[in-house]
Protein backbone atom coordinates (compact mmCIF):
# COMPACT_ATOMS: atom_id res chain seq x y z
CA MET A 1 14.82 274.20 151.74
CA LEU A 2 14.26 270.48 151.31
CA ARG A 3 15.91 268.64 148.47
CA LEU A 4 14.17 265.95 146.43
CA PRO A 5 15.85 262.99 148.22
CA GLU A 6 14.68 264.38 151.58
CA ILE A 7 11.14 264.94 150.32
CA LEU A 8 11.01 261.36 149.07
CA GLY A 9 12.60 259.90 152.21
CA LEU A 10 15.80 258.96 150.37
CA GLU A 11 18.29 261.21 152.14
CA HIS A 12 20.41 258.23 153.28
CA ALA A 13 20.09 256.21 150.08
CA ASP A 14 22.89 255.13 147.75
CA LEU A 15 21.55 257.06 144.75
CA SER A 16 22.36 257.08 141.06
CA PHE A 17 20.89 259.67 138.75
CA ILE A 18 20.32 258.30 135.25
CA ILE A 19 19.34 260.46 132.28
CA PHE A 20 18.35 259.12 128.90
CA LYS A 21 16.62 260.50 125.82
CA VAL A 22 13.72 258.77 124.10
CA GLY A 23 12.09 259.61 120.80
CA ARG A 24 12.81 261.24 117.50
CA ILE A 25 15.06 264.26 117.21
CA ALA A 26 12.15 266.70 116.68
CA PHE A 27 10.17 265.28 119.62
CA ALA A 28 12.85 264.03 121.99
CA ASN A 29 11.95 263.56 125.62
CA PHE A 30 14.53 263.43 128.39
CA ILE A 31 13.65 260.89 131.05
CA TYR A 32 15.28 260.77 134.47
CA ILE A 33 15.60 257.88 136.89
CA ILE A 34 16.65 258.30 140.50
CA PHE A 35 17.84 254.86 141.52
CA ASP A 36 18.70 253.65 145.02
CA ARG A 37 21.37 251.00 144.39
CA SER A 38 21.09 249.47 147.86
CA LYS A 39 17.28 249.08 147.97
CA LYS A 40 16.78 248.77 144.18
CA ASP A 41 14.01 251.40 144.35
CA ALA A 42 13.55 253.80 141.45
CA ILE A 43 11.70 257.03 140.84
CA LEU A 44 10.88 257.89 137.24
CA ILE A 45 10.70 261.54 136.21
CA ASP A 46 8.92 262.72 133.07
CA PRO A 47 8.19 259.51 131.20
CA GLY A 48 6.63 260.67 127.96
CA TRP A 49 6.26 257.88 125.45
CA GLU A 50 7.93 254.69 124.25
CA HIS A 51 7.20 252.89 127.49
CA GLU A 52 8.94 249.71 126.23
CA ILE A 53 12.31 251.49 126.37
CA ILE A 54 11.61 252.86 129.84
CA LEU A 55 10.50 249.48 131.18
CA ALA A 56 13.58 247.83 129.67
CA GLN A 57 15.84 250.37 131.40
CA LEU A 58 14.15 249.71 134.75
CA GLU A 59 14.41 245.96 134.19
CA ASN A 60 18.12 246.25 133.32
CA LEU A 61 18.63 248.00 136.65
CA GLY A 62 16.58 245.38 138.49
CA ALA A 63 14.59 248.34 139.80
CA ASN A 64 11.33 248.45 141.77
CA LEU A 65 9.44 251.51 140.54
CA ILE A 66 8.06 253.31 143.60
CA ALA A 67 7.01 256.68 142.13
CA ILE A 68 6.51 258.64 138.94
CA LEU A 69 6.94 262.41 138.92
CA LEU A 70 5.58 264.59 136.11
CA THR A 71 6.98 268.07 135.75
CA HIS A 72 5.03 269.12 132.66
CA SER A 73 1.72 268.15 131.11
């Protein structure tokens, strides 16, 4: 079975896994960032709303967004 880093070609990357919650308590959305510290590449998982907060987080990391994965519609 392949793991996500292998599928994305990141099996040798220096990865951080960042989780943060965006939104109101009743409609909270957990957003995940897989961040390669050495290449500064990031993959965003399940961005829902409040894109300003997401973009600010990516900017704080100095990240280059290379992919967005959606796990629910």
